[in-house]
PDB file of N, CA and C in Angstrom:
ATOM      1  N   MET A   1     138.746 365.072 252.779  1.00  0.00           N
ATOM      2  CA  MET A   1     137.648 364.963 251.744  1.00  0.00           C
ATOM      3  C   MET A   1     136.512 365.799 252.250  1.00  0.00           C
ATOM      4  N   LEU A   2     136.224 365.898 253.361  1.00  0.00           N
ATOM      5  CA  LEU A   2     135.066 366.747 253.913  1.00  0.00           C
ATOM      6  C   LEU A   2     135.324 368.099 253.493  1.00  0.00           C
ATOM      7  N   ALA A   3     136.579 368.738 253.605  1.00  0.00           N
ATOM      8  CA  ALA A   3     136.876 370.210 253.292  1.00  0.00           C
ATOM      9  C   ALA A   3     136.632 370.299 251.791  1.00  0.00           C
ATOM     10  N   LEU A   4     137.041 369.398 251.007  1.00  0.00           N
ATOM     11  CA  LEU A   4     137.061 369.383 249.492  1.00  0.00           C
ATOM     12  C   LEU A   4     135.483 369.422 249.165  1.00  0.00           C
ATOM     13  N   ALA A   5     134.671 368.489 249.807  1.00  0.00           N
ATOM     14  CA  ALA A   5     133.275 368.457 249.474  1.00  0.00           C
ATOM     15  C   ALA A   5     132.550 369.708 249.883  1.00  0.00           C
ATOM     16  N   LEU A   6     133.021 370.492 250.963  1.00  0.00           N
ATOM     17  CA  LEU A   6     132.307 371.686 251.390  1.00  0.00           C
ATOM     18  C   LEU A   6     132.721 372.889 250.402  1.00  0.00           C
ATOM     19  N   VAL A   7     134.118 372.960 250.025  1.00  0.00           N
ATOM     20  CA  VAL A   7     134.519 373.972 249.079  1.00  0.00           C
ATOM     21  C   VAL A   7     133.956 373.831 247.749  1.00  0.00           C
ATOM     22  N   TRP A   8     133.879 372.641 247.193  1.00  0.00           N
ATOM     23  CA  TRP A   8     133.561 372.482 245.746  1.00  0.00           C
ATOM     24  C   TRP A   8     132.142 371.962 245.687  1.00  0.00           C
ATOM     25  N   ARG A   9     131.344 371.902 246.776  1.00  0.00           N
ATOM     26  CA  ARG A   9     129.933 371.600 246.853  1.00  0.00           C
ATOM     27  C   ARG A   9     129.763 370.270 246.106  1.00  0.00           C
ATOM     28  N   THR A  10     130.609 369.294 246.236  1.00  0.00           N
ATOM     29  CA  THR A  10     130.435 367.927 245.775  1.00  0.00           C
ATOM     30  C   THR A  10     129.347 367.166 246.388  1.00  0.00           C
ATOM     31  N   ASP A  11     128.670 366.323 245.732  1.00  0.00           N
ATOM     32  CA  ASP A  11     127.601 365.415 246.199  1.00  0.00           C
ATOM     33  C   ASP A  11     128.103 364.610 247.417  1.00  0.00           C
ATOM     34  N   ALA A  12     127.331 364.568 248.524  1.00  0.00           N
ATOM     35  CA  ALA A  12     127.771 363.856 249.811  1.00  0.00           C
ATOM     36  C   ALA A  12     128.009 362.527 249.447  1.00  0.00           C
ATOM     37  N   ARG A  13     127.033 361.807 248.622  1.00  0.00           N
ATOM     38  CA  ARG A  13     127.151 360.431 248.259  1.00  0.00           C
ATOM     39  C   ARG A  13     128.499 360.021 247.679  1.00  0.00           C
ATOM     40  N   LEU A  14     128.898 360.901 246.728  1.00  0.00           N
ATOM     41  CA  LEU A  14     130.173 360.793 245.917  1.00  0.00           C
ATOM     42  C   LEU A  14     131.374 360.812 246.832  1.00  0.00           C
ATOM     43  N   VAL A  15     131.258 361.794 247.797  1.00  0.00           N
ATOM     44  CA  VAL A  15     132.463 361.921 248.724  1.00  0.00           C
ATOM     45  C   VAL A  15     132.442 360.709 249.593  1.00  0.00           C
ATOM     46  N   ALA A  16     131.420 360.297 250.077  1.00  0.00           N
ATOM     47  CA  ALA A  16     131.300 359.043 251.057  1.00  0.00           C
ATOM     48  C   ALA A  16     131.847 357.830 250.246  1.00  0.00           C
ATOM     49  N   LEU A  17     131.387 357.673 249.033  1.00  0.00           N
ATOM     50  CA  LEU A  17     131.749 356.401 248.274  1.00  0.00           C
ATOM     51  C   LEU A  17     133.274 356.430 248.125  1.00  0.00           C
ATOM     52  N   ALA A  18     133.765 357.671 247.584  1.00  0.00           N
ATOM     53  CA  ALA A  18     135.240 357.841 247.173  1.00  0.00           C
ATOM     54  C   ALA A  18     136.106 357.654 248.425  1.00  0.00           C
ATOM     55  N   GLY A  19     135.656 358.211 249.603  1.00  0.00           N
ATOM     56  CA  GLY A  19     136.381 357.758 250.956  1.00  0.00           C
ATOM     57  C   GLY A  19     136.451 356.370 251.240  1.00  0.00           C
ATOM     58  N   PHE A  20     135.282 355.749 250.980  1.00  0.00           N
ATOM     59  CA  PHE A  20     135.272 354.349 251.319  1.00  0.00           C
ATOM     60  C   PHE A  20     136.039 353.545 250.299  1.00  0.00           C
ATOM     61  N   GLY A  21     135.937 353.944 249.100  1.00  0.00           N
ATOM     62  CA  GLY A  21     136.756 353.363 248.013  1.00  0.00           C
ATOM     63  C   GLY A  21     138.230 353.394 248.270  1.00  0.00           C
ATOM     64  N   VAL A  22     138.696 354.490 248.616  1.00  0.00           N
ATOM     65  CA  VAL A  22     140.114 354.724 248.966  1.00  0.00           C
ATOM     66  C   VAL A  22     140.490 353.793 250.206  1.00  0.00           C
ATOM     67  N   ALA A  23     139.671 353.818 251.190  1.00  0.00           N
ATOM     68  CA  ALA A  23     140.005 353.012 252.285  1.00  0.00           C
ATOM     69  C   ALA A  23     140.053 351.485 252.036  1.00  0.00           C
ATOM     70  N   VAL A  24     139.150 351.057 251.155  1.00  0.00           N
ATOM     71  CA  VAL A  24     139.211 349.659 250.825  1.00  0.00           C
ATOM     72  C   VAL A  24     140.347 349.252 249.896  1.00  0.00           C
ATOM     73  N   LEU A  25     140.732 350.167 248.918  1.00  0.00           N
ATOM     74  CA  LEU A  25     141.902 349.981 248.181  1.00  0.00           C
ATOM     75  C   LEU A  25     143.090 349.739 249.248  1.00  0.00           C
ATOM     76  N   VAL A  26     143.345 350.659 250.129  1.00  0.00           N
ATOM     77  CA  VAL A  26     144.390 350.627 251.036  1.00  0.00           C
ATOM     78  C   VAL A  26     144.337 349.292 251.812  1.00  0.00           C
ATOM     79  N   GLU A  27     143.203 348.895 252.296  1.00  0.00           N
ATOM     80  CA  GLU A  27     143.071 347.699 252.995  1.00  0.00           C
ATOM     81  C   GLU A  27     143.422 346.517 252.022  1.00  0.00           C
ATOM     82  N   LEU A  28     142.946 346.506 250.875  1.00  0.00           N
ATOM     83  CA  LEU A  28     143.247 345.323 249.879  1.00  0.00           C
ATOM     84  C   LEU A  28     144.822 345.419 249.624  1.00  0.00           C
ATOM     85  N   SER A  29     145.359 346.537 249.555  1.00  0.00           N
ATOM     86  CA  SER A  29     146.844 346.517 249.322  1.00  0.00           C
ATOM     87  C   SER A  29     147.603 345.719 250.416  1.00  0.00           C
ATOM     88  N   GLN A  30     147.142 345.556 251.551  1.00  0.00           N
ATOM     89  CA  GLN A  30     147.730 344.982 252.558  1.00  0.00           C
ATOM     90  C   GLN A  30     147.884 343.427 252.261  1.00  0.00           C
ATOM     91  N   LEU A  31     147.052 343.091 251.224  1.00  0.00           N
ATOM     92  CA  LEU A  31     147.240 341.504 251.029  1.00  0.00           C
ATOM     93  C   LEU A  31     148.410 341.288 250.071  1.00  0.00           C
ATOM     94  N   TRP A  32     148.855 342.321 249.507  1.00  0.00           N
ATOM     95  CA  TRP A  32     150.017 342.234 248.555  1.00  0.00           C
ATOM     96  C   TRP A  32     151.392 342.566 249.325  1.00  0.00           C
ATOM     97  N   LYS A  33     152.239 341.585 249.468  1.00  0.00           N
ATOM     98  CA  LYS A  33     153.286 341.505 250.194  1.00  0.00           C
ATOM     99  C   LYS A  33     154.691 341.410 249.558  1.00  0.00           C
ATOM    100  N   PRO A  34     155.051 342.225 248.804  1.00  0.00           N
ATOM    101  CA  PRO A  34     156.366 342.018 248.125  1.00  0.00           C
ATOM    102  C   PRO A  34     157.405 342.544 249.129  1.00  0.00           C
ATOM    103  N   ALA A  35     158.636 342.002 249.028  1.00  0.00           N
ATOM    104  CA  ALA A  35     159.549 342.344 250.102  1.00  0.00           C
ATOM    105  C   ALA A  35     159.878 343.775 250.287  1.00  0.00           C
ATOM    106  N   TRP A  36     159.935 344.585 249.147  1.00  0.00           N
ATOM    107  CA  TRP A  36     160.259 345.981 249.276  1.00  0.00           C
ATOM    108  C   TRP A  36     159.183 346.669 249.910  1.00  0.00           C
ATOM    109  N   LEU A  37     157.985 346.321 249.726  1.00  0.00           N
ATOM    110  CA  LEU A  37     156.886 346.928 250.334  1.00  0.00           C
ATOM    111  C   LEU A  37     156.721 346.529 251.911  1.00  0.00           C
ATOM    112  N   GLU A  38     157.102 345.280 252.234  1.00  0.00           N
ATOM    113  CA  GLU A  38     157.180 345.081 253.665  1.00  0.00           C
ATOM    114  C   GLU A  38     158.196 345.854 254.331  1.00  0.00           C
ATOM    115  N   GLU A  39     159.420 346.029 253.684  1.00  0.00           N
ATOM    116  CA  GLU A  39     160.360 346.810 254.198  1.00  0.00           C
ATOM    117  C   GLU A  39     159.977 348.175 254.565  1.00  0.00           C
ATOM    118  N   LEU A  40     159.127 348.690 253.502  1.00  0.00           N
ATOM    119  CA  LEU A  40     158.667 350.147 253.753  1.00  0.00           C
ATOM    120  C   LEU A  40     157.680 350.099 254.968  1.00  0.00           C
ATOM    121  N   ARG A  41     156.783 349.215 254.922  1.00  0.00           N
ATOM    122  CA  ARG A  41     155.912 349.144 256.159  1.00  0.00           C
ATOM    123  C   ARG A  41     156.691 349.176 257.437  1.00  0.00           C
ATOM    124  N   GLN A  42     157.810 348.836 257.601  1.00  0.00           N
ATOM    125  CA  GLN A  42     158.455 348.860 258.843  1.00  0.00           C
ATOM    126  C   GLN A  42     158.609 350.279 259.407  1.00  0.00           C
ATOM    127  N   ASN A  43     158.594 351.336 258.614  1.00  0.00           N
ATOM    128  CA  ASN A  43     158.562 352.703 258.853  1.00  0.00           C
ATOM    129  C   ASN A  43     157.278 352.967 259.538  1.00  0.00           C
ATOM    130  N   ASP A  44     157.060 353.545 260.626  1.00  0.00           N
ATOM    131  CA  ASP A  44     155.948 354.017 261.234  1.00  0.00           C
ATOM    132  C   ASP A  44     155.047 354.846 260.384  1.00  0.00           C
ATOM    133  N   LEU A  45     155.529 355.737 259.781  1.00  0.00           N
ATOM    134  CA  LEU A  45     154.774 356.635 259.002  1.00  0.00           C
ATOM    135  C   LEU A  45     154.058 356.042 257.781  1.00  0.00           C
ATOM    136  N   VAL A  46     154.854 355.187 257.193  1.00  0.00           N
ATOM    137  CA  VAL A  46     154.408 354.358 256.051  1.00  0.00           C
ATOM    138  C   VAL A  46     153.247 353.353 256.513  1.00  0.00           C
ATOM    139  N   ALA A  47     153.616 352.592 257.717  1.00  0.00           N
ATOM    140  CA  ALA A  47     152.625 351.810 258.242  1.00  0.00           C
ATOM    141  C   ALA A  47     151.329 352.421 258.776  1.00  0.00           C
ATOM    142  N   LEU A  48     151.425 353.678 259.133  1.00  0.00           N
ATOM    143  CA  LEU A  48     150.278 354.598 259.427  1.00  0.00           C
ATOM    144  C   LEU A  48     149.415 354.796 258.203  1.00  0.00           C
ATOM    145  N   ALA A  49     150.080 355.087 256.923  1.00  0.00           N
ATOM    146  CA  ALA A  49     149.403 355.308 255.814  1.00  0.00           C
ATOM    147  C   ALA A  49     148.955 354.018 255.189  1.00  0.00           C
ATOM    148  N   LEU A  50     149.621 352.943 255.105  1.00  0.00           N
ATOM    149  CA  LEU A  50     149.328 351.759 254.396  1.00  0.00           C
ATOM    150  C   LEU A  50     148.825 350.546 255.261  1.00  0.00           C
ATOM    151  N   GLY A  51     149.094 350.537 256.532  1.00  0.00           N
ATOM    152  CA  GLY A  51     148.612 349.611 257.421  1.00  0.00           C
ATOM    153  C   GLY A  51     149.664 348.514 257.256  1.00  0.00           C
ATOM    154  N   ARG A  52     149.502 347.454 258.201  1.00  0.00           N
ATOM    155  CA  ARG A  52     150.525 346.314 258.349  1.00  0.00           C
ATOM    156  C   ARG A  52     149.885 345.092 258.022  1.00  0.00           C
ATOM    157  N   GLY A  53     148.651 344.857 258.145  1.00  0.00           N
ATOM    158  CA  GLY A  53     147.999 343.614 257.945  1.00  0.00           C
ATOM    159  C   GLY A  53     146.486 343.802 257.661  1.00  0.00           C
ATOM    160  N   TRP A  54     145.959 342.746 256.950  1.00  0.00           N
ATOM    161  CA  TRP A  54     144.562 342.586 256.513  1.00  0.00           C
ATOM    162  C   TRP A  54     143.680 342.186 257.745  1.00  0.00           C
ATOM    163  N   VAL A  55     142.653 343.089 257.902  1.00  0.00           N
ATOM    164  CA  VAL A  55     141.553 342.788 258.899  1.00  0.00           C
ATOM    165  C   VAL A  55     140.348 342.955 258.489  1.00  0.00           C
ATOM    166  N   TRP A  56     139.442 341.961 258.401  1.00  0.00           N
ATOM    167  CA  TRP A  56     138.088 342.088 257.848  1.00  0.00           C
ATOM    168  C   TRP A  56     137.253 343.132 258.550  1.00  0.00           C
ATOM    169  N   GLY A  57     137.405 343.171 259.830  1.00  0.00           N
ATOM    170  CA  GLY A  57     136.666 344.219 260.694  1.00  0.00           C
ATOM    171  C   GLY A  57     136.993 345.555 260.204  1.00  0.00           C
ATOM    172  N   ASP A  58     138.149 346.020 259.559  1.00  0.00           N
ATOM    173  CA  ASP A  58     138.468 347.297 259.058  1.00  0.00           C
ATOM    174  C   ASP A  58     137.459 347.804 258.105  1.00  0.00           C
ATOM    175  N   LEU A  59     136.956 346.769 257.224  1.00  0.00           N
ATOM    176  CA  LEU A  59     136.044 347.081 256.196  1.00  0.00           C
ATOM    177  C   LEU A  59     134.724 347.694 256.729  1.00  0.00           C
ATOM    178  N   VAL A  60     134.276 346.989 257.854  1.00  0.00           N
ATOM    179  CA  VAL A  60     133.089 347.428 258.489  1.00  0.00           C
ATOM    180  C   VAL A  60     133.288 348.876 259.098  1.00  0.00           C
ATOM    181  N   ARG A  61     134.451 349.112 259.662  1.00  0.00           N
ATOM    182  CA  ARG A  61     134.877 350.404 260.404  1.00  0.00           C
ATOM    183  C   ARG A  61     134.802 351.475 259.270  1.00  0.00           C
ATOM    184  N   TYR A  62     135.450 351.037 258.028  1.00  0.00           N
ATOM    185  CA  TYR A  62     135.397 351.957 256.915  1.00  0.00           C
ATOM    186  C   TYR A  62     134.037 352.417 256.548  1.00  0.00           C
ATOM    187  N   ALA A  63     133.082 351.297 256.425  1.00  0.00           N
ATOM    188  CA  ALA A  63     131.736 351.577 255.951  1.00  0.00           C
ATOM    189  C   ALA A  63     131.063 352.567 256.883  1.00  0.00           C
ATOM    190  N   ILE A  64     131.243 352.220 258.158  1.00  0.00           N
ATOM    191  CA  ILE A  64     130.566 353.108 259.326  1.00  0.00           C
ATOM    192  C   ILE A  64     131.130 354.567 259.130  1.00  0.00           C
ATOM    193  N   GLY A  65     132.305 354.713 259.044  1.00  0.00           N
ATOM    194  CA  GLY A  65     132.944 355.970 258.935  1.00  0.00           C
ATOM    195  C   GLY A  65     132.487 356.721 257.576  1.00  0.00           C
ATOM    196  N   ALA A  66     132.352 356.067 256.524  1.00  0.00           N
ATOM    197  CA  ALA A  66     131.741 356.702 255.272  1.00  0.00           C
ATOM    198  C   ALA A  66     130.267 357.046 255.539  1.00  0.00           C
ATOM    199  N   ALA A  67     129.510 356.168 256.065  1.00  0.00           N
ATOM    200  CA  ALA A  67     128.137 356.571 256.415  1.00  0.00           C
ATOM    201  C   ALA A  67     128.063 357.693 257.422  1.00  0.00           C
ATOM    202  N   LEU A  68     128.790 357.807 258.468  1.00  0.00           N
ATOM    203  CA  LEU A  68     128.816 358.928 259.253  1.00  0.00           C
ATOM    204  C   LEU A  68     129.219 360.183 258.510  1.00  0.00           C
ATOM    205  N   GLY A  69     130.225 360.106 257.700  1.00  0.00           N
ATOM    206  CA  GLY A  69     130.688 361.118 256.926  1.00  0.00           C
ATOM    207  C   GLY A  69     129.665 361.682 256.085  1.00  0.00           C
ATOM    208  N   TYR A  70     128.794 360.808 255.383  1.00  0.00           N
ATOM    209  CA  TYR A  70     127.679 361.185 254.566  1.00  0.00           C
ATOM    210  C   TYR A  70     126.752 362.005 255.379  1.00  0.00           C
ATOM    211  N   VAL A  71     126.346 361.333 256.545  1.00  0.00           N
ATOM    212  CA  VAL A  71     125.367 362.141 257.392  1.00  0.00           C
ATOM    213  C   VAL A  71     125.850 363.630 257.802  1.00  0.00           C
ATOM    214  N   VAL A  72     127.156 363.759 258.176  1.00  0.00           N
ATOM    215  CA  VAL A  72     127.656 365.019 258.503  1.00  0.00           C
ATOM    216  C   VAL A  72     127.483 365.944 257.327  1.00  0.00           C
ATOM    217  N   LEU A  73     127.999 365.545 256.155  1.00  0.00           N
ATOM    218  CA  LEU A  73     127.902 366.265 254.901  1.00  0.00           C
ATOM    219  C   LEU A  73     126.514 366.698 254.699  1.00  0.00           C
ATOM    220  N   ARG A  74     125.550 365.908 254.831  1.00  0.00           N
ATOM    221  CA  ARG A  74     124.147 366.246 254.420  1.00  0.00           C
ATOM    222  C   ARG A  74     123.723 367.238 255.507  1.00  0.00           C
ATOM    223  N   ALA A  75     124.219 367.027 256.609  1.00  0.00           N
ATOM    224  CA  ALA A  75     123.671 368.140 257.814  1.00  0.00           C
ATOM    225  C   ALA A  75     124.295 369.439 257.396  1.00  0.00           C
ATOM    226  N   LEU A  76     125.698 369.515 256.906  1.00  0.00           N
ATOM    227  CA  LEU A  76     126.138 370.786 256.734  1.00  0.00           C
ATOM    228  C   LEU A  76     125.785 371.355 255.332  1.00  0.00           C
ATOM    229  N   GLU A  77     125.120 370.593 254.547  1.00  0.00           N
ATOM    230  CA  GLU A  77     124.627 370.978 253.242  1.00  0.00           C
ATOM    231  C   GLU A  77     123.169 371.474 253.428  1.00  0.00           C
ATOM    232  N   SER A  78     122.572 371.353 254.539  1.00  0.00           N
ATOM    233  CA  SER A  78     121.185 371.680 254.753  1.00  0.00           C
ATOM    234  C   SER A  78     121.071 373.328 254.746  1.00  0.00           C
ATOM    235  N   PRO A  79     119.926 373.780 254.156  1.00  0.00           N
ATOM    236  CA  PRO A  79     119.891 375.250 254.166  1.00  0.00           C
ATOM    237  C   PRO A  79     119.829 375.981 255.532  1.00  0.00           C
ATOM    238  N   ASP A  80     119.432 375.219 256.657  1.00  0.00           N
ATOM    239  CA  ASP A  80     119.627 375.829 257.998  1.00  0.00           C
ATOM    240  C   ASP A  80     121.024 375.962 258.334  1.00  0.00           C
ATOM    241  N   ALA A  81     121.801 374.950 258.158  1.00  0.00           N
ATOM    242  CA  ALA A  81     123.229 374.982 258.386  1.00  0.00           C
ATOM    243  C   ALA A  81     124.016 376.257 257.661  1.00  0.00           C
ATOM    244  N   GLN A  82     123.465 376.348 256.344  1.00  0.00           N
ATOM    245  CA  GLN A  82     124.055 377.417 255.548  1.00  0.00           C
ATOM    246  C   GLN A  82     123.651 378.757 256.030  1.00  0.00           C
ATOM    247  N   ALA A  83     122.357 378.831 256.540  1.00  0.00           N
ATOM    248  CA  ALA A  83     121.927 380.227 256.930  1.00  0.00           C
ATOM    249  C   ALA A  83     122.673 380.592 258.248  1.00  0.00           C
ATOM    250  N   ARG A  84     122.842 379.607 259.085  1.00  0.00           N
ATOM    251  CA  ARG A  84     123.663 379.855 260.355  1.00  0.00           C
ATOM    252  C   ARG A  84     124.991 380.210 259.966  1.00  0.00           C
ATOM    253  N   TRP A  85     125.665 379.721 258.959  1.00  0.00           N
ATOM    254  CA  TRP A  85     127.005 380.033 258.611  1.00  0.00           C
ATOM    255  C   TRP A  85     127.055 381.374 258.082  1.00  0.00           C
ATOM    256  N   ILE A  86     126.107 381.780 257.422  1.00  0.00           N
ATOM    257  CA  ILE A  86     126.049 383.142 256.741  1.00  0.00           C
ATOM    258  C   ILE A  86     125.813 384.206 257.921  1.00  0.00           C
ATOM    259  N   ARG A  87     125.015 383.902 258.712  1.00  0.00           N
ATOM    260  CA  ARG A  87     124.711 384.921 259.773  1.00  0.00           C
ATOM    261  C   ARG A  87     125.978 385.060 260.704  1.00  0.00           C
ATOM    262  N   ARG A  88     126.805 384.099 260.934  1.00  0.00           N
ATOM    263  CA  ARG A  88     128.074 384.113 261.783  1.00  0.00           C
ATOM    264  C   ARG A  88     129.069 385.054 261.156  1.00  0.00           C
ATOM    265  N   ARG A  89     129.077 385.202 259.859  1.00  0.00           N
ATOM    266  CA  ARG A  89     130.097 386.044 259.085  1.00  0.00           C
ATOM    267  C   ARG A  89     129.701 387.373 259.263  1.00  0.00           C
TER     268      ARG A  89
END
């Protein structure tokens, strides 16, 4: 999402909220436990993408990550950062 935000000049708040929203949806999906999905989650790659169990603390971590992403994007969007990028080219 960071790369997309920088290439398409998307608002940092929108990127942070979208990232947090996707993370929360994935976390909430862990509460849904149909047999076929549980079987898929036995695969390590699927478990890496979808997770294996609901943890409240993950929501706090996602919020912190979204906030840090917002701060980084704002710093990269600053005129000083853009001027340094242009001079390096």
